[in-house]
């Protein structure tokens, strides 16, 4: 039996932050077990950032450099750009012909996101944004991916994809597509410096590609227990952002940090210094790898060109089956 196939991707947002590290480390592990397609989802980015198209080029390069420095291997995976595989658009169009509008309108996040952007002064009530779950389904099934790394909040999107697969296979009486299953990601939830979700839009992130000085400066900004005034005051690690980071990036010392905080045996300054040391040790090999990669300015584009070629090959094969199933093949055509 052959390997299972995985499709996953990210919108090109430029430099990534520590909140992305757990996802990338999962991807790195997947390479050893599965046929992997990792996608720069630039069409998805334009569903909300349609008025800023130039953003995606440099952002793509920066993001893929972060992928590579963490350990994604183009010898093991196809790393590609969504818009360079036109078959995604063709499949999306053909699926739109059979997908009931009500399926898209019931997407649980659609109205919330429209409202969030409206509060920011932006109208995203476009055909493209309403239809992005269908484009996502096309992204997955064009590679016949049977596993999709998702968090629990994304399960409704995956179930939508499975419904589309069932409808297509039933209508055309062929099992062209497998129903993809969820590969539930065990992703460490990393708060931002202020305790909110880590996000560049909040300015509370720690970049993945950084340096010891920046790491130290960012950690010093972290919110700690507001009731802890003096170093020997008992603390509450369960509400402390610094301790949340220790649990993920300094696991071997996390219990000692927790007890020292509760008993007032370790102050916030010492606790932060310990975290800085752990973060630098964890990230330094990645930084060194990225500096090596940057010695060749064309390396990222070489990786993506090869990944695009591999992705187009698989997508083209799938589309031949789709066209035949839907009766679009003309005898003698090429």
Protein backbone atom coordinates (compact mmCIF):
# COMPACT_ATOMS: atom_id res chain seq x y z
CA UNK A 1 0.00 0.00 0.00
CA UNK A 2 1.34 3.45 -0.94
CA UNK A 3 1.82 6.37 1.34
CA UNK A 4 -1.08 8.60 2.31
CA UNK A 5 -1.04 12.09 0.82
CA UNK A 6 -1.23 15.33 2.80
CA UNK A 7 -2.02 18.84 1.59
CA UNK A 8 -1.51 21.84 3.82
CA UNK A 9 -0.66 25.48 3.32
CA UNK A 10 -0.45 29.02 4.63
CA UNK A 11 -1.36 32.40 3.25
CA UNK A 12 1.81 34.38 2.45
CA UNK A 13 2.19 36.72 5.39
CA UNK A 14 5.95 37.28 5.30
CA UNK A 15 8.07 36.49 8.35
CA UNK A 16 6.44 33.94 10.59
CA UNK A 17 6.37 33.99 14.38
CA UNK A 18 6.65 31.49 17.21
CA UNK A 19 2.94 30.76 16.98
CA UNK A 20 3.66 29.01 13.66
CA UNK A 21 6.55 26.88 14.91
CA UNK A 22 4.48 23.95 16.17
CA UNK A 23 2.66 23.69 12.81
CA UNK A 24 5.93 23.71 10.88
CA UNK A 25 7.45 21.08 13.13
CA UNK A 26 4.42 18.88 12.46
CA UNK A 27 4.92 19.40 8.72
CA UNK A 28 8.56 18.42 9.09
CA UNK A 29 7.54 15.16 10.75
CA UNK A 30 4.87 14.46 8.11
CA UNK A 31 7.57 14.44 5.42
CA UNK A 32 8.95 11.20 6.85
CA UNK A 33 5.63 9.36 6.57
CA UNK A 34 3.50 10.89 3.82
CA UNK A 35 3.51 12.31 0.31
CA UNK A 36 3.36 15.99 1.20
CA UNK A 37 2.22 19.05 -0.75
CA UNK A 38 2.83 22.33 1.06
CA UNK A 39 1.18 25.30 -0.59
CA UNK A 40 1.68 29.06 -0.54
CA UNK A 41 -2.01 29.97 -0.59
CA UNK A 42 -1.74 33.30 -2.39
CA UNK A 43 -5.18 33.12 -4.03
CA UNK A 44 -6.66 32.63 -0.57
CA UNK A 45 -4.75 35.71 0.61
CA UNK A 46 -6.44 37.76 -2.09
CA UNK A 47 -9.92 36.81 -0.89
CA UNK A 48 -9.42 39.41 1.85
CA UNK A 49 -6.35 41.35 0.63
CA UNK A 50 -7.51 41.79 -2.96
CA UNK A 51 -6.51 45.47 -2.85
CA UNK A 52 -2.87 44.70 -1.99
CA UNK A 53 -1.66 42.21 -4.62
CA UNK A 54 1.99 43.27 -4.57
CA UNK A 55 2.25 42.10 -0.96
CA UNK A 56 2.40 38.44 -1.87
CA UNK A 57 5.74 38.24 -3.75
CA UNK A 58 8.22 39.27 -1.04
CA UNK A 59 5.93 37.80 1.61
CA UNK A 60 6.09 34.46 -0.20
CA UNK A 61 9.88 34.47 -0.22
CA UNK A 62 10.14 35.39 3.47
CA UNK A 63 7.60 32.77 4.50
CA UNK A 64 9.13 29.94 2.47
CA UNK A 65 12.57 30.78 3.89
CA UNK A 66 11.06 30.27 7.34
CA UNK A 67 9.59 26.94 6.22
CA UNK A 68 12.96 25.78 4.94
CA UNK A 69 14.94 26.94 7.95
CA UNK A 70 12.67 24.91 10.26
CA UNK A 71 13.27 21.77 8.21
CA UNK A 72 10.90 21.44 5.27
CA UNK A 73 12.84 19.54 2.64
CA UNK A 74 12.14 20.08 -1.07
CA UNK A 75 13.67 16.66 -1.70
CA UNK A 76 10.85 15.11 0.33
CA UNK A 77 7.92 17.45 -0.31
CA UNK A 78 6.43 19.54 -3.10
CA UNK A 79 6.59 23.17 -1.94
CA UNK A 80 4.62 25.26 -4.40
CA UNK A 81 2.61 28.41 -5.09
CA UNK A 82 -1.13 27.97 -5.51
CA UNK A 83 -1.50 30.45 -8.38
CA UNK A 84 1.20 28.66 -10.40
CA UNK A 85 -0.99 25.55 -10.67
CA UNK A 86 -3.90 26.75 -12.82
CA UNK A 87 -5.70 23.45 -12.43
CA UNK A 88 -6.79 24.63 -8.97
CA UNK A 89 -8.86 27.36 -10.65
CA UNK A 90 -10.34 24.97 -13.21
CA UNK A 91 -11.39 22.46 -10.57
CA UNK A 92 -12.80 25.23 -8.41
CA UNK A 93 -14.92 26.41 -11.34
CA UNK A 94 -16.20 22.92 -12.15
CA UNK A 95 -17.02 22.20 -8.52
CA UNK A 96 -18.91 25.50 -8.30
CA UNK A 97 -21.30 24.17 -10.94
CA UNK A 98 -22.47 21.37 -8.64
CA UNK A 99 -22.16 22.94 -5.17
CA UNK A 100 -25.40 24.28 -3.65
CA UNK A 101 -25.16 27.93 -2.61
CA UNK A 102 -26.70 27.06 0.77
CA UNK A 103 -23.65 24.91 1.59
CA UNK A 104 -21.41 27.98 1.34
CA UNK A 105 -23.78 30.29 3.19
CA UNK A 106 -23.86 28.03 6.22
CA UNK A 107 -20.08 28.25 6.71
CA UNK A 108 -19.81 28.99 10.47
CA UNK A 109 -17.09 31.65 10.15
CA UNK A 110 -18.37 33.52 7.09
CA UNK A 111 -20.66 36.05 8.79
CA UNK A 112 -18.26 36.58 11.68
CA UNK A 113 -15.37 37.39 9.37
CA UNK A 114 -17.49 39.69 7.22
CA UNK A 115 -18.46 41.59 10.36
CA UNK A 116 -14.87 41.75 11.64
CA UNK A 117 -13.65 43.25 8.37
CA UNK A 118 -16.61 45.63 8.22
CA UNK A 119 -15.59 46.98 11.62
CA UNK A 120 -12.15 47.62 10.09
CA UNK A 121 -13.78 49.56 7.26
CA UNK A 122 -13.47 46.86 4.61
CA UNK A 123 -16.20 45.13 2.61
CA UNK A 124 -15.33 41.50 1.79
CA UNK A 125 -18.82 40.42 0.70
CA UNK A 126 -17.42 39.15 -2.60
CA UNK A 127 -18.07 36.04 -4.63
CA UNK A 128 -14.47 34.96 -3.98
CA UNK A 129 -14.69 35.23 -0.21
CA UNK A 130 -18.03 33.42 -0.04
CA UNK A 131 -16.53 30.67 -2.17
CA UNK A 132 -13.18 30.26 -0.43
CA UNK A 133 -14.22 26.97 1.29
CA UNK A 134 -14.82 25.52 -2.18
CA UNK A 135 -11.42 26.70 -3.40
CA UNK A 136 -9.97 25.10 -0.28
CA UNK A 137 -11.74 21.86 -1.17
CA UNK A 138 -10.30 22.02 -4.69
CA UNK A 139 -6.82 22.57 -3.24
CA UNK A 140 -7.15 19.38 -1.21
CA UNK A 141 -8.77 16.97 -3.60
CA UNK A 142 -6.82 17.91 -6.73
CA UNK A 143 -3.89 16.05 -5.12
CA UNK A 144 -6.22 13.30 -3.91
CA UNK A 145 -5.09 14.10 -0.39
CA UNK A 146 -6.62 11.66 2.04
CA UNK A 147 -5.28 13.38 5.16
CA UNK A 148 -5.53 17.08 6.01
CA UNK A 149 -3.82 18.60 9.07
CA UNK A 150 -6.45 20.74 10.78
CA UNK A 151 -7.34 22.14 14.16
CA UNK A 152 -10.76 21.40 15.61
CA UNK A 153 -12.01 24.82 14.52
CA UNK A 154 -11.40 23.83 10.88
CA UNK A 155 -13.33 20.57 10.98
CA UNK A 156 -16.49 22.16 9.44
CA UNK A 157 -14.44 23.17 6.39
CA UNK A 158 -13.14 19.64 6.01
CA UNK A 159 -16.64 18.19 6.34
CA UNK A 160 -17.76 20.60 3.61
CA UNK A 161 -14.97 19.22 1.43
CA UNK A 162 -16.10 15.66 2.12
CA UNK A 163 -19.68 16.57 1.13
CA UNK A 164 -18.43 18.03 -2.16
CA UNK A 165 -16.47 14.83 -2.84
CA UNK A 166 -19.50 12.65 -2.15
CA UNK A 167 -21.70 14.80 -4.40
CA UNK A 168 -19.19 14.74 -7.28
CA UNK A 169 -18.57 10.99 -7.09
CA UNK A 170 -22.33 10.32 -6.86
CA UNK A 171 -23.30 12.62 -9.75
CA UNK A 172 -20.72 11.20 -12.13
CA UNK A 173 -20.83 7.63 -10.81
CA UNK A 174 -17.06 7.40 -10.43
CA UNK A 175 -14.86 7.46 -7.35
CA UNK A 176 -12.58 10.15 -8.73
CA UNK A 177 -11.80 11.67 -5.34
CA UNK A 178 -11.17 10.06 -1.93
CA UNK A 179 -12.90 11.58 1.07
CA UNK A 180 -10.12 13.30 3.01
CA UNK A 181 -9.88 12.58 6.73
CA UNK A 182 -8.77 14.97 9.44
CA UNK A 183 -5.27 14.67 10.81
CA UNK A 184 -5.88 16.59 14.01
CA UNK A 185 -2.85 18.75 14.64
CA UNK A 186 -1.37 18.80 18.10
CA UNK A 187 -0.43 22.45 17.97
CA UNK A 188 0.98 24.31 20.93
CA UNK A 189 -1.11 27.42 21.54
CA UNK A 190 1.34 30.27 22.03
CA UNK A 191 0.04 33.54 23.44
CA UNK A 192 1.43 36.89 22.38
CA UNK A 193 3.55 39.08 24.61
CA UNK A 194 0.40 40.69 26.06
CA UNK A 195 -1.45 37.43 26.65
CA UNK A 196 -3.71 37.77 23.61
CA UNK A 197 -3.39 35.52 20.56
CA UNK A 198 0.01 36.01 18.96
CA UNK A 199 -0.46 38.08 15.82
CA UNK A 200 1.52 40.59 13.79
CA UNK A 201 -1.62 42.72 13.62
CA UNK A 202 -1.44 43.08 17.42
CA UNK A 203 2.31 43.72 17.40
CA UNK A 204 2.71 41.12 20.15
CA UNK A 205 4.67 38.48 18.25
CA UNK A 206 8.15 37.00 18.52
CA UNK A 207 9.52 36.42 14.99
CA UNK A 208 10.85 32.98 14.17
CA UNK A 209 13.84 34.51 12.43
CA UNK A 210 15.38 36.81 14.96
CA UNK A 211 18.53 37.26 17.05
CA UNK A 212 19.42 36.98 20.74
CA UNK A 213 19.03 40.72 21.36
CA UNK A 214 15.54 40.86 19.87
CA UNK A 215 14.46 37.73 21.74
CA UNK A 216 15.63 39.23 25.03
CA UNK A 217 13.89 42.54 24.31
CA UNK A 218 10.62 40.82 23.39
CA UNK A 219 10.63 38.54 26.43
CA UNK A 220 11.18 41.53 28.71
CA UNK A 221 7.89 42.92 27.37
CA UNK A 222 5.91 39.84 28.39
CA UNK A 223 2.99 40.26 30.76
CA UNK A 224 3.41 38.49 34.12
CA UNK A 225 1.23 38.14 37.21
CA UNK A 226 0.08 41.75 37.96
CA UNK A 227 -0.29 40.97 41.66
CA UNK A 228 3.33 39.94 42.01
CA UNK A 229 5.18 43.10 43.01
CA UNK A 230 8.37 41.75 44.60
CA UNK A 231 10.61 38.87 43.55
CA UNK A 232 9.75 36.83 46.66
CA UNK A 233 5.98 37.31 46.42
CA UNK A 234 4.12 34.07 45.65
CA UNK A 235 3.08 34.00 41.99
CA UNK A 236 0.32 32.49 39.88
CA UNK A 237 2.04 30.77 36.94
CA UNK A 238 -1.27 29.68 35.43
CA UNK A 239 -2.01 33.28 34.40
CA UNK A 240 1.57 34.22 33.45
CA UNK A 241 2.53 34.51 29.77
CA UNK A 242 6.16 33.71 30.55
CA UNK A 243 5.22 30.41 32.16
CA UNK A 244 3.08 29.53 29.09
CA UNK A 245 6.25 29.81 27.01
CA UNK A 246 8.27 27.74 29.48
CA UNK A 247 5.74 24.92 29.13
CA UNK A 248 6.33 24.80 25.37
CA UNK A 249 9.95 25.83 24.88
CA UNK A 250 11.57 24.89 28.20
CA UNK A 251 9.70 21.76 29.20
CA UNK A 252 12.55 20.20 31.15
CA UNK A 253 12.53 23.15 33.57
CA UNK A 254 8.81 24.01 33.47
CA UNK A 255 7.90 22.22 36.69
CA UNK A 256 10.80 23.80 38.55
CA UNK A 257 9.77 27.22 37.24
CA UNK A 258 6.17 26.62 38.27
CA UNK A 259 7.04 25.61 41.83
CA UNK A 260 9.61 28.38 42.17
CA UNK A 261 7.02 30.94 41.13
CA UNK A 262 4.31 29.60 43.47
CA UNK A 263 6.72 29.59 46.41
CA UNK A 264 8.27 32.95 45.57
CA UNK A 265 11.68 31.35 45.07
CA UNK A 266 12.23 32.70 41.56
CA UNK A 267 11.57 36.27 40.49
CA UNK A 268 10.08 37.39 37.17
CA UNK A 269 13.41 38.77 35.95
CA UNK A 270 15.20 35.45 36.53
CA UNK A 271 12.28 33.56 35.03
CA UNK A 272 12.45 35.67 31.86
CA UNK A 273 16.22 35.23 31.58
CA UNK A 274 15.77 31.47 31.76
CA UNK A 275 13.19 31.64 29.00
CA UNK A 276 15.43 33.78 26.80
CA UNK A 277 18.20 31.19 27.11
CA UNK A 278 15.82 28.36 26.19
CA UNK A 279 14.42 30.20 23.17
CA UNK A 280 17.86 31.07 21.83
CA UNK A 281 19.01 27.45 22.18
CA UNK A 282 15.88 26.24 20.38
CA UNK A 283 16.00 28.74 17.52
CA UNK A 284 19.72 29.27 16.89
CA UNK A 285 20.11 26.23 14.56
CA UNK A 286 17.18 27.53 12.49
CA UNK A 287 18.73 31.01 12.26
CA UNK A 288 22.01 29.56 11.10
CA UNK A 289 20.20 27.49 8.48
CA UNK A 290 18.36 30.55 7.18
CA UNK A 291 21.56 32.57 6.92
CA UNK A 292 23.01 29.78 4.81
CA UNK A 293 19.92 29.73 2.59
CA UNK A 294 20.08 33.48 2.06
CA UNK A 295 23.55 33.15 0.56
CA UNK A 296 21.78 32.06 -2.64
CA UNK A 297 19.12 34.71 -3.46
CA UNK A 298 17.52 32.43 -6.07
CA UNK A 299 17.26 29.31 -3.90
CA UNK A 300 13.67 29.91 -2.78
CA UNK A 301 12.53 30.47 -6.36
CA UNK A 302 14.36 27.32 -7.47
CA UNK A 303 12.57 25.35 -4.75
CA UNK A 304 9.20 26.80 -5.73
CA UNK A 305 9.76 26.26 -9.46
CA UNK A 306 10.46 22.59 -8.85
CA UNK A 307 7.55 22.31 -6.44
CA UNK A 308 5.26 23.99 -8.97
CA UNK A 309 6.35 21.45 -11.58
CA UNK A 310 5.61 18.51 -9.29
CA UNK A 311 2.26 19.94 -8.21
CA UNK A 312 1.22 20.67 -11.80
CA UNK A 313 2.06 17.09 -12.78
CA UNK A 314 -0.24 15.61 -10.16
CA UNK A 315 -2.98 18.21 -10.64
CA UNK A 316 -2.94 17.66 -14.41
CA UNK A 317 -3.47 13.92 -13.96
CA UNK A 318 -6.43 14.54 -11.66
CA UNK A 319 -8.01 17.02 -14.04
CA UNK A 320 -7.86 14.53 -16.89
CA UNK A 321 -10.03 12.22 -14.76
CA UNK A 322 -12.37 15.07 -13.81
CA UNK A 323 -12.89 16.19 -17.42
CA UNK A 324 -13.53 12.62 -18.53
CA UNK A 325 -16.03 12.05 -15.71
CA UNK A 326 -17.91 15.26 -16.59
CA UNK A 327 -17.89 14.54 -20.32
CA UNK A 328 -15.56 17.35 -21.39
CA UNK A 329 -13.07 15.17 -23.24
CA UNK A 330 -13.40 15.55 -27.01
CA UNK A 331 -12.22 12.53 -29.05
CA UNK A 332 -8.93 13.26 -30.76
CA UNK A 333 -8.21 16.40 -28.68
CA UNK A 334 -4.91 16.93 -26.89
